[in-house]
Amino acid sequence: MIVRIATDRQYRLPDDDAQRLNELDNAAVKAVEEGDEEQFHELFEQMLDLVRTDGQELEEDDLEGSDVILPPPDLTFVEAGNEFTGEGLIPD
């Protein structure tokens, strides 16, 4: 799975981590729906860390399409309300 972090880079995330990223995404949607800003930010940081730690950073000239685009790391909770809705960033 190719994951882009907006305003950052693209990463090739191992298939084993795709399910974990989806679980974090679903939990982040729930936190937004419940108005739990602290929980949301914790989950979003976990998503970014998973991609950056387990993913392999792609070269800047690699033009592969992204399967998932995560919002920028400085995403506010208000902005998250527009991004983390319904099925989230990663549809099941």
PDB file of N, CA and C in Angstrom:
ATOM      1  N   MET A   1       0.847  -1.165   0.000  1.00  0.00           N
ATOM      2  CA  MET A   1       0.000   0.000   0.000  1.00  0.00           C
ATOM      3  C   MET A   1       0.898   1.234   0.000  1.00  0.00           C
ATOM      4  N   ILE A   2       0.574   2.183  -0.894  1.00  0.00           N
ATOM      5  CA  ILE A   2       1.313   3.438  -0.946  1.00  0.00           C
ATOM      6  C   ILE A   2       0.519   4.483  -0.164  1.00  0.00           C
ATOM      7  N   VAL A   3       1.176   5.090   0.813  1.00  0.00           N
ATOM      8  CA  VAL A   3       0.539   6.087   1.665  1.00  0.00           C
ATOM      9  C   VAL A   3       1.299   7.401   1.537  1.00  0.00           C
ATOM     10  N   ARG A   4       0.558   8.456   1.247  1.00  0.00           N
ATOM     11  CA  ARG A   4       1.148   9.792   1.225  1.00  0.00           C
ATOM     12  C   ARG A   4       0.700  10.516   2.487  1.00  0.00           C
ATOM     13  N   ILE A   5       1.632  11.188   3.110  1.00  0.00           N
ATOM     14  CA  ILE A   5       1.301  12.115   4.188  1.00  0.00           C
ATOM     15  C   ILE A   5       1.329  13.491   3.538  1.00  0.00           C
ATOM     16  N   ALA A   6       0.173  14.155   3.490  1.00  0.00           N
ATOM     17  CA  ALA A   6       0.086  15.451   2.823  1.00  0.00           C
ATOM     18  C   ALA A   6       1.134  16.409   3.397  1.00  0.00           C
ATOM     19  N   THR A   7       1.732  17.168   2.541  1.00  0.00           N
ATOM     20  CA  THR A   7       2.819  18.112   2.824  1.00  0.00           C
ATOM     21  C   THR A   7       4.101  17.399   3.255  1.00  0.00           C
ATOM     22  N   ASP A   8       4.152  16.093   3.080  1.00  0.00           N
ATOM     23  CA  ASP A   8       5.322  15.309   3.490  1.00  0.00           C
ATOM     24  C   ASP A   8       5.741  14.442   2.307  1.00  0.00           C
ATOM     25  N   ARG A   9       5.856  13.155   2.527  1.00  0.00           N
ATOM     26  CA  ARG A   9       6.371  12.216   1.526  1.00  0.00           C
ATOM     27  C   ARG A   9       5.401  11.063   1.306  1.00  0.00           C
ATOM     28  N   GLN A  10       5.784  10.171   0.390  1.00  0.00           N
ATOM     29  CA  GLN A  10       5.063   8.932   0.140  1.00  0.00           C
ATOM     30  C   GLN A  10       5.859   7.788   0.736  1.00  0.00           C
ATOM     31  N   TYR A  11       5.136   6.783   1.206  1.00  0.00           N
ATOM     32  CA  TYR A  11       5.755   5.615   1.826  1.00  0.00           C
ATOM     33  C   TYR A  11       5.082   4.343   1.311  1.00  0.00           C
ATOM     34  N   ARG A  12       5.883   3.296   1.145  1.00  0.00           N
ATOM     35  CA  ARG A  12       5.340   1.977   0.823  1.00  0.00           C
ATOM     36  C   ARG A  12       5.169   1.250   2.152  1.00  0.00           C
ATOM     37  N   LEU A  13       3.922   1.037   2.531  1.00  0.00           N
ATOM     38  CA  LEU A  13       3.608   0.407   3.810  1.00  0.00           C
ATOM     39  C   LEU A  13       3.390  -1.083   3.585  1.00  0.00           C
ATOM     40  N   PRO A  14       4.057  -1.941   4.373  1.00  0.00           N
ATOM     41  CA  PRO A  14       3.861  -3.379   4.217  1.00  0.00           C
ATOM     42  C   PRO A  14       2.392  -3.763   4.402  1.00  0.00           C
ATOM     43  N   ASP A  15       1.964  -4.769   3.662  1.00  0.00           N
ATOM     44  CA  ASP A  15       0.574  -5.222   3.736  1.00  0.00           C
ATOM     45  C   ASP A  15       0.163  -5.567   5.159  1.00  0.00           C
ATOM     46  N   ASP A  16       1.088  -6.094   5.937  1.00  0.00           N
ATOM     47  CA  ASP A  16       0.768  -6.461   7.324  1.00  0.00           C
ATOM     48  C   ASP A  16       0.339  -5.244   8.143  1.00  0.00           C
ATOM     49  N   ASP A  17       0.828  -4.066   7.789  1.00  0.00           N
ATOM     50  CA  ASP A  17       0.506  -2.850   8.535  1.00  0.00           C
ATOM     51  C   ASP A  17      -0.746  -2.153   8.021  1.00  0.00           C
ATOM     52  N   ALA A  18      -1.220  -2.530   6.840  1.00  0.00           N
ATOM     53  CA  ALA A  18      -2.398  -1.876   6.269  1.00  0.00           C
ATOM     54  C   ALA A  18      -3.615  -2.074   7.165  1.00  0.00           C
ATOM     55  N   GLN A  19      -3.784  -3.256   7.709  1.00  0.00           N
ATOM     56  CA  GLN A  19      -4.922  -3.521   8.598  1.00  0.00           C
ATOM     57  C   GLN A  19      -4.819  -2.679   9.867  1.00  0.00           C
ATOM     58  N   ARG A  20      -3.630  -2.565  10.426  1.00  0.00           N
ATOM     59  CA  ARG A  20      -3.437  -1.751  11.637  1.00  0.00           C
ATOM     60  C   ARG A  20      -3.752  -0.284  11.337  1.00  0.00           C
ATOM     61  N   LEU A  21      -3.320   0.214  10.184  1.00  0.00           N
ATOM     62  CA  LEU A  21      -3.607   1.589   9.806  1.00  0.00           C
ATOM     63  C   LEU A  21      -5.119   1.791   9.682  1.00  0.00           C
ATOM     64  N   ASN A  22      -5.813   0.824   9.105  1.00  0.00           N
ATOM     65  CA  ASN A  22      -7.266   0.907   8.973  1.00  0.00           C
ATOM     66  C   ASN A  22      -7.941   0.919  10.343  1.00  0.00           C
ATOM     67  N   GLU A  23      -7.450   0.112  11.277  1.00  0.00           N
ATOM     68  CA  GLU A  23      -8.015   0.090  12.632  1.00  0.00           C
ATOM     69  C   GLU A  23      -7.832   1.445  13.318  1.00  0.00           C
ATOM     70  N   LEU A  24      -6.658   2.026  13.170  1.00  0.00           N
ATOM     71  CA  LEU A  24      -6.401   3.346  13.747  1.00  0.00           C
ATOM     72  C   LEU A  24      -7.293   4.404  13.100  1.00  0.00           C
ATOM     73  N   ASP A  25      -7.469   4.305  11.794  1.00  0.00           N
ATOM     74  CA  ASP A  25      -8.336   5.226  11.065  1.00  0.00           C
ATOM     75  C   ASP A  25      -9.770   5.142  11.597  1.00  0.00           C
ATOM     76  N   ASN A  26     -10.287   3.931  11.759  1.00  0.00           N
ATOM     77  CA  ASN A  26     -11.653   3.758  12.268  1.00  0.00           C
ATOM     78  C   ASN A  26     -11.790   4.312  13.686  1.00  0.00           C
ATOM     79  N   ALA A  27     -10.774   4.090  14.504  1.00  0.00           N
ATOM     80  CA  ALA A  27     -10.803   4.608  15.874  1.00  0.00           C
ATOM     81  C   ALA A  27     -10.748   6.143  15.873  1.00  0.00           C
ATOM     82  N   ALA A  28      -9.994   6.725  14.931  1.00  0.00           N
ATOM     83  CA  ALA A  28      -9.903   8.183  14.826  1.00  0.00           C
ATOM     84  C   ALA A  28     -11.251   8.771  14.409  1.00  0.00           C
ATOM     85  N   VAL A  29     -11.948   8.106  13.497  1.00  0.00           N
ATOM     86  CA  VAL A  29     -13.286   8.546  13.099  1.00  0.00           C
ATOM     87  C   VAL A  29     -14.200   8.555  14.323  1.00  0.00           C
ATOM     88  N   LYS A  30     -14.141   7.497  15.101  1.00  0.00           N
ATOM     89  CA  LYS A  30     -14.977   7.393  16.301  1.00  0.00           C
ATOM     90  C   LYS A  30     -14.659   8.526  17.289  1.00  0.00           C
ATOM     91  N   ALA A  31     -13.377   8.798  17.480  1.00  0.00           N
ATOM     92  CA  ALA A  31     -12.970   9.872  18.398  1.00  0.00           C
ATOM     93  C   ALA A  31     -13.509  11.221  17.927  1.00  0.00           C
ATOM     94  N   VAL A  32     -13.452  11.477  16.619  1.00  0.00           N
ATOM     95  CA  VAL A  32     -13.976  12.734  16.074  1.00  0.00           C
ATOM     96  C   VAL A  32     -15.482  12.801  16.299  1.00  0.00           C
ATOM     97  N   GLU A  33     -16.166  11.693  15.997  1.00  0.00           N
ATOM     98  CA  GLU A  33     -17.628  11.666  16.165  1.00  0.00           C
ATOM     99  C   GLU A  33     -18.031  11.917  17.618  1.00  0.00           C
ATOM    100  N   GLU A  34     -17.193  11.461  18.547  1.00  0.00           N
ATOM    101  CA  GLU A  34     -17.485  11.625  19.976  1.00  0.00           C
ATOM    102  C   GLU A  34     -16.951  12.935  20.544  1.00  0.00           C
ATOM    103  N   GLY A  35     -16.273  13.711  19.712  1.00  0.00           N
ATOM    104  CA  GLY A  35     -15.735  14.990  20.168  1.00  0.00           C
ATOM    105  C   GLY A  35     -14.545  14.869  21.099  1.00  0.00           C
ATOM    106  N   ASP A  36     -13.837  13.734  21.026  1.00  0.00           N
ATOM    107  CA  ASP A  36     -12.697  13.477  21.908  1.00  0.00           C
ATOM    108  C   ASP A  36     -11.406  13.910  21.217  1.00  0.00           C
ATOM    109  N   GLU A  37     -11.078  15.179  21.365  1.00  0.00           N
ATOM    110  CA  GLU A  37      -9.918  15.751  20.681  1.00  0.00           C
ATOM    111  C   GLU A  37      -8.604  15.099  21.107  1.00  0.00           C
ATOM    112  N   GLU A  38      -8.442  14.870  22.395  1.00  0.00           N
ATOM    113  CA  GLU A  38      -7.198  14.270  22.890  1.00  0.00           C
ATOM    114  C   GLU A  38      -6.992  12.879  22.304  1.00  0.00           C
ATOM    115  N   GLN A  39      -8.039  12.071  22.317  1.00  0.00           N
ATOM    116  CA  GLN A  39      -7.950  10.708  21.772  1.00  0.00           C
ATOM    117  C   GLN A  39      -7.666  10.755  20.274  1.00  0.00           C
ATOM    118  N   PHE A  40      -8.323  11.674  19.565  1.00  0.00           N
ATOM    119  CA  PHE A  40      -8.077  11.791  18.134  1.00  0.00           C
ATOM    120  C   PHE A  40      -6.606  12.064  17.853  1.00  0.00           C
ATOM    121  N   HIS A  41      -6.046  13.072  18.531  1.00  0.00           N
ATOM    122  CA  HIS A  41      -4.651  13.436  18.257  1.00  0.00           C
ATOM    123  C   HIS A  41      -3.697  12.288  18.581  1.00  0.00           C
ATOM    124  N   GLU A  42      -3.997  11.538  19.628  1.00  0.00           N
ATOM    125  CA  GLU A  42      -3.167  10.379  19.964  1.00  0.00           C
ATOM    126  C   GLU A  42      -3.228   9.338  18.840  1.00  0.00           C
ATOM    127  N   LEU A  43      -4.415   9.057  18.346  1.00  0.00           N
ATOM    128  CA  LEU A  43      -4.577   8.068  17.274  1.00  0.00           C
ATOM    129  C   LEU A  43      -3.950   8.543  15.968  1.00  0.00           C
ATOM    130  N   PHE A  44      -4.119   9.816  15.659  1.00  0.00           N
ATOM    131  CA  PHE A  44      -3.549  10.351  14.427  1.00  0.00           C
ATOM    132  C   PHE A  44      -2.027  10.284  14.472  1.00  0.00           C
ATOM    133  N   GLU A  45      -1.446  10.586  15.616  1.00  0.00           N
ATOM    134  CA  GLU A  45       0.016  10.468  15.774  1.00  0.00           C
ATOM    135  C   GLU A  45       0.465   9.018  15.580  1.00  0.00           C
ATOM    136  N   GLN A  46      -0.321   8.078  16.086  1.00  0.00           N
ATOM    137  CA  GLN A  46       0.003   6.663  15.902  1.00  0.00           C
ATOM    138  C   GLN A  46      -0.029   6.292  14.420  1.00  0.00           C
ATOM    139  N   MET A  47      -1.006   6.845  13.689  1.00  0.00           N
ATOM    140  CA  MET A  47      -1.087   6.581  12.248  1.00  0.00           C
ATOM    141  C   MET A  47       0.158   7.103  11.541  1.00  0.00           C
ATOM    142  N   LEU A  48       0.545   8.344  11.844  1.00  0.00           N
ATOM    143  CA  LEU A  48       1.725   8.927  11.218  1.00  0.00           C
ATOM    144  C   LEU A  48       2.985   8.149  11.581  1.00  0.00           C
ATOM    145  N   ASP A  49       3.103   7.776  12.849  1.00  0.00           N
ATOM    146  CA  ASP A  49       4.273   7.017  13.301  1.00  0.00           C
ATOM    147  C   ASP A  49       4.358   5.661  12.614  1.00  0.00           C
ATOM    148  N   LEU A  50       3.214   4.990  12.472  1.00  0.00           N
ATOM    149  CA  LEU A  50       3.197   3.683  11.818  1.00  0.00           C
ATOM    150  C   LEU A  50       3.713   3.801  10.390  1.00  0.00           C
ATOM    151  N   VAL A  51       3.218   4.790   9.670  1.00  0.00           N
ATOM    152  CA  VAL A  51       3.634   4.964   8.273  1.00  0.00           C
ATOM    153  C   VAL A  51       5.113   5.327   8.191  1.00  0.00           C
ATOM    154  N   ARG A  52       5.541   6.254   9.014  1.00  0.00           N
ATOM    155  CA  ARG A  52       6.944   6.702   8.953  1.00  0.00           C
ATOM    156  C   ARG A  52       7.920   5.648   9.455  1.00  0.00           C
ATOM    157  N   THR A  53       7.514   4.869  10.435  1.00  0.00           N
ATOM    158  CA  THR A  53       8.408   3.878  11.028  1.00  0.00           C
ATOM    159  C   THR A  53       8.463   2.584  10.224  1.00  0.00           C
ATOM    160  N   ASP A  54       7.288   2.062   9.857  1.00  0.00           N
ATOM    161  CA  ASP A  54       7.234   0.774   9.162  1.00  0.00           C
ATOM    162  C   ASP A  54       7.268   0.910   7.648  1.00  0.00           C
ATOM    163  N   GLY A  55       6.910   2.107   7.158  1.00  0.00           N
ATOM    164  CA  GLY A  55       6.899   2.319   5.713  1.00  0.00           C
ATOM    165  C   GLY A  55       8.282   2.624   5.174  1.00  0.00           C
ATOM    166  N   GLN A  56       8.453   2.301   3.903  1.00  0.00           N
ATOM    167  CA  GLN A  56       9.701   2.616   3.212  1.00  0.00           C
ATOM    168  C   GLN A  56       9.465   3.902   2.422  1.00  0.00           C
ATOM    169  N   GLU A  57      10.223   4.935   2.724  1.00  0.00           N
ATOM    170  CA  GLU A  57      10.064   6.216   2.044  1.00  0.00           C
ATOM    171  C   GLU A  57      10.413   6.070   0.573  1.00  0.00           C
ATOM    172  N   LEU A  58       9.519   6.558  -0.292  1.00  0.00           N
ATOM    173  CA  LEU A  58       9.764   6.491  -1.729  1.00  0.00           C
ATOM    174  C   LEU A  58      10.600   7.686  -2.164  1.00  0.00           C
ATOM    175  N   GLU A  59      11.317   7.507  -3.239  1.00  0.00           N
ATOM    176  CA  GLU A  59      12.108   8.599  -3.800  1.00  0.00           C
ATOM    177  C   GLU A  59      11.175   9.695  -4.300  1.00  0.00           C
ATOM    178  N   GLU A  60      11.618  10.925  -4.266  1.00  0.00           N
ATOM    179  CA  GLU A  60      10.784  12.044  -4.690  1.00  0.00           C
ATOM    180  C   GLU A  60      10.347  11.939  -6.144  1.00  0.00           C
ATOM    181  N   ASP A  61      11.167  11.310  -6.991  1.00  0.00           N
ATOM    182  CA  ASP A  61      10.811  11.202  -8.403  1.00  0.00           C
ATOM    183  C   ASP A  61       9.999   9.942  -8.712  1.00  0.00           C
ATOM    184  N   ASP A  62       9.641   9.163  -7.698  1.00  0.00           N
ATOM    185  CA  ASP A  62       8.787   7.985  -7.868  1.00  0.00           C
ATOM    186  C   ASP A  62       7.352   8.482  -8.031  1.00  0.00           C
ATOM    187  N   LEU A  63       6.726   8.164  -9.142  1.00  0.00           N
ATOM    188  CA  LEU A  63       5.419   8.708  -9.475  1.00  0.00           C
ATOM    189  C   LEU A  63       4.267   7.731  -9.246  1.00  0.00           C
ATOM    190  N   GLU A  64       4.425   6.819  -8.308  1.00  0.00           N
ATOM    191  CA  GLU A  64       3.342   5.881  -8.021  1.00  0.00           C
ATOM    192  C   GLU A  64       2.166   6.604  -7.385  1.00  0.00           C
ATOM    193  N   GLY A  65       0.966   6.181  -7.760  1.00  0.00           N
ATOM    194  CA  GLY A  65      -0.235   6.759  -7.173  1.00  0.00           C
ATOM    195  C   GLY A  65      -0.403   6.304  -5.732  1.00  0.00           C
ATOM    196  N   SER A  66      -0.953   7.156  -4.909  1.00  0.00           N
ATOM    197  CA  SER A  66      -1.160   6.831  -3.497  1.00  0.00           C
ATOM    198  C   SER A  66      -2.487   6.094  -3.328  1.00  0.00           C
ATOM    199  N   ASP A  67      -2.459   5.042  -2.512  1.00  0.00           N
ATOM    200  CA  ASP A  67      -3.683   4.328  -2.158  1.00  0.00           C
ATOM    201  C   ASP A  67      -4.438   5.089  -1.076  1.00  0.00           C
ATOM    202  N   VAL A  68      -3.687   5.757  -0.209  1.00  0.00           N
ATOM    203  CA  VAL A  68      -4.252   6.508   0.907  1.00  0.00           C
ATOM    204  C   VAL A  68      -3.466   7.804   1.044  1.00  0.00           C
ATOM    205  N   ILE A  69      -4.175   8.894   1.316  1.00  0.00           N
ATOM    206  CA  ILE A  69      -3.512  10.171   1.597  1.00  0.00           C
ATOM    207  C   ILE A  69      -3.930  10.604   2.989  1.00  0.00           C
ATOM    208  N   LEU A  70      -2.948  10.628   3.885  1.00  0.00           N
ATOM    209  CA  LEU A  70      -3.208  11.110   5.235  1.00  0.00           C
ATOM    210  C   LEU A  70      -3.112  12.626   5.249  1.00  0.00           C
ATOM    211  N   PRO A  71      -3.936  13.284   6.053  1.00  0.00           N
ATOM    212  CA  PRO A  71      -3.847  14.738   6.166  1.00  0.00           C
ATOM    213  C   PRO A  71      -2.472  15.153   6.705  1.00  0.00           C
ATOM    214  N   PRO A  72      -2.148  16.443   6.596  1.00  0.00           N
ATOM    215  CA  PRO A  72      -0.857  16.914   7.092  1.00  0.00           C
ATOM    216  C   PRO A  72      -0.735  16.726   8.604  1.00  0.00           C
ATOM    217  N   PRO A  73       0.483  16.561   9.089  1.00  0.00           N
ATOM    218  CA  PRO A  73       0.709  16.324  10.518  1.00  0.00           C
ATOM    219  C   PRO A  73       0.160  17.413  11.429  1.00  0.00           C
ATOM    220  N   ASP A  74       0.028  18.641  10.927  1.00  0.00           N
ATOM    221  CA  ASP A  74      -0.460  19.728  11.769  1.00  0.00           C
ATOM    222  C   ASP A  74      -1.986  19.895  11.701  1.00  0.00           C
ATOM    223  N   LEU A  75      -2.690  18.853  11.295  1.00  0.00           N
ATOM    224  CA  LEU A  75      -4.148  18.857  11.194  1.00  0.00           C
ATOM    225  C   LEU A  75      -4.780  19.252  12.522  1.00  0.00           C
ATOM    226  N   THR A  76      -5.723  20.187  12.466  1.00  0.00           N
ATOM    227  CA  THR A  76      -6.432  20.580  13.685  1.00  0.00           C
ATOM    228  C   THR A  76      -7.635  19.666  13.883  1.00  0.00           C
ATOM    229  N   PHE A  77      -8.192  19.689  15.083  1.00  0.00           N
ATOM    230  CA  PHE A  77      -9.356  18.861  15.381  1.00  0.00           C
ATOM    231  C   PHE A  77     -10.556  19.313  14.557  1.00  0.00           C
ATOM    232  N   VAL A  78     -10.683  20.608  14.341  1.00  0.00           N
ATOM    233  CA  VAL A  78     -11.779  21.126  13.516  1.00  0.00           C
ATOM    234  C   VAL A  78     -11.640  20.589  12.092  1.00  0.00           C
ATOM    235  N   GLU A  79     -10.431  20.634  11.539  1.00  0.00           N
ATOM    236  CA  GLU A  79     -10.192  20.097  10.193  1.00  0.00           C
ATOM    237  C   GLU A  79     -10.433  18.598  10.156  1.00  0.00           C
ATOM    238  N   ALA A  80     -10.104  17.906  11.235  1.00  0.00           N
ATOM    239  CA  ALA A  80     -10.310  16.457  11.299  1.00  0.00           C
ATOM    240  C   ALA A  80     -11.777  16.105  11.131  1.00  0.00           C
ATOM    241  N   GLY A  81     -12.658  16.999  11.574  1.00  0.00           N
ATOM    242  CA  GLY A  81     -14.087  16.758  11.425  1.00  0.00           C
ATOM    243  C   GLY A  81     -14.513  16.644   9.970  1.00  0.00           C
ATOM    244  N   ASN A  82     -13.739  17.225   9.055  1.00  0.00           N
ATOM    245  CA  ASN A  82     -14.030  17.131   7.621  1.00  0.00           C
ATOM    246  C   ASN A  82     -13.366  15.922   6.970  1.00  0.00           C
ATOM    247  N   GLU A  83     -12.308  15.426   7.565  1.00  0.00           N
ATOM    248  CA  GLU A  83     -11.527  14.333   6.976  1.00  0.00           C
ATOM    249  C   GLU A  83     -11.929  12.956   7.515  1.00  0.00           C
ATOM    250  N   PHE A  84     -12.101  12.876   8.812  1.00  0.00           N
ATOM    251  CA  PHE A  84     -12.345  11.594   9.467  1.00  0.00           C
ATOM    252  C   PHE A  84     -13.837  11.419   9.702  1.00  0.00           C
ATOM    253  N   THR A  85     -14.532  11.039   8.630  1.00  0.00           N
ATOM    254  CA  THR A  85     -15.975  10.843   8.694  1.00  0.00           C
ATOM    255  C   THR A  85     -16.349   9.523   8.014  1.00  0.00           C
ATOM    256  N   GLY A  86     -17.538   9.059   8.269  1.00  0.00           N
ATOM    257  CA  GLY A  86     -18.052   7.869   7.582  1.00  0.00           C
ATOM    258  C   GLY A  86     -17.118   6.686   7.715  1.00  0.00           C
ATOM    259  N   GLU A  87     -16.626   6.218   6.562  1.00  0.00           N
ATOM    260  CA  GLU A  87     -15.705   5.074   6.554  1.00  0.00           C
ATOM    261  C   GLU A  87     -14.277   5.490   6.814  1.00  0.00           C
ATOM    262  N   GLY A  88     -14.036   6.774   7.008  1.00  0.00           N
ATOM    263  CA  GLY A  88     -12.685   7.242   7.267  1.00  0.00           C
ATOM    264  C   GLY A  88     -11.888   7.416   6.000  1.00  0.00           C
ATOM    265  N   LEU A  89     -10.587   7.505   6.164  1.00  0.00           N
ATOM    266  CA  LEU A  89      -9.679   7.706   5.038  1.00  0.00           C
ATOM    267  C   LEU A  89      -9.460   6.423   4.253  1.00  0.00           C
ATOM    268  N   ILE A  90      -9.641   5.290   4.939  1.00  0.00           N
ATOM    269  CA  ILE A  90      -9.391   3.986   4.331  1.00  0.00           C
ATOM    270  C   ILE A  90     -10.709   3.216   4.342  1.00  0.00           C
ATOM    271  N   PRO A  91     -11.453   3.221   3.243  1.00  0.00           N
ATOM    272  CA  PRO A  91     -12.724   2.485   3.223  1.00  0.00           C
ATOM    273  C   PRO A  91     -12.500   0.995   3.439  1.00  0.00           C
ATOM    274  N   ASP A  92     -13.394   0.390   4.191  1.00  0.00           N
ATOM    275  CA  ASP A  92     -13.289  -1.066   4.446  1.00  0.00           C
ATOM    276  C   ASP A  92     -13.616  -1.872   3.226  1.00  0.00           C
TER     277      ASP A  92
END
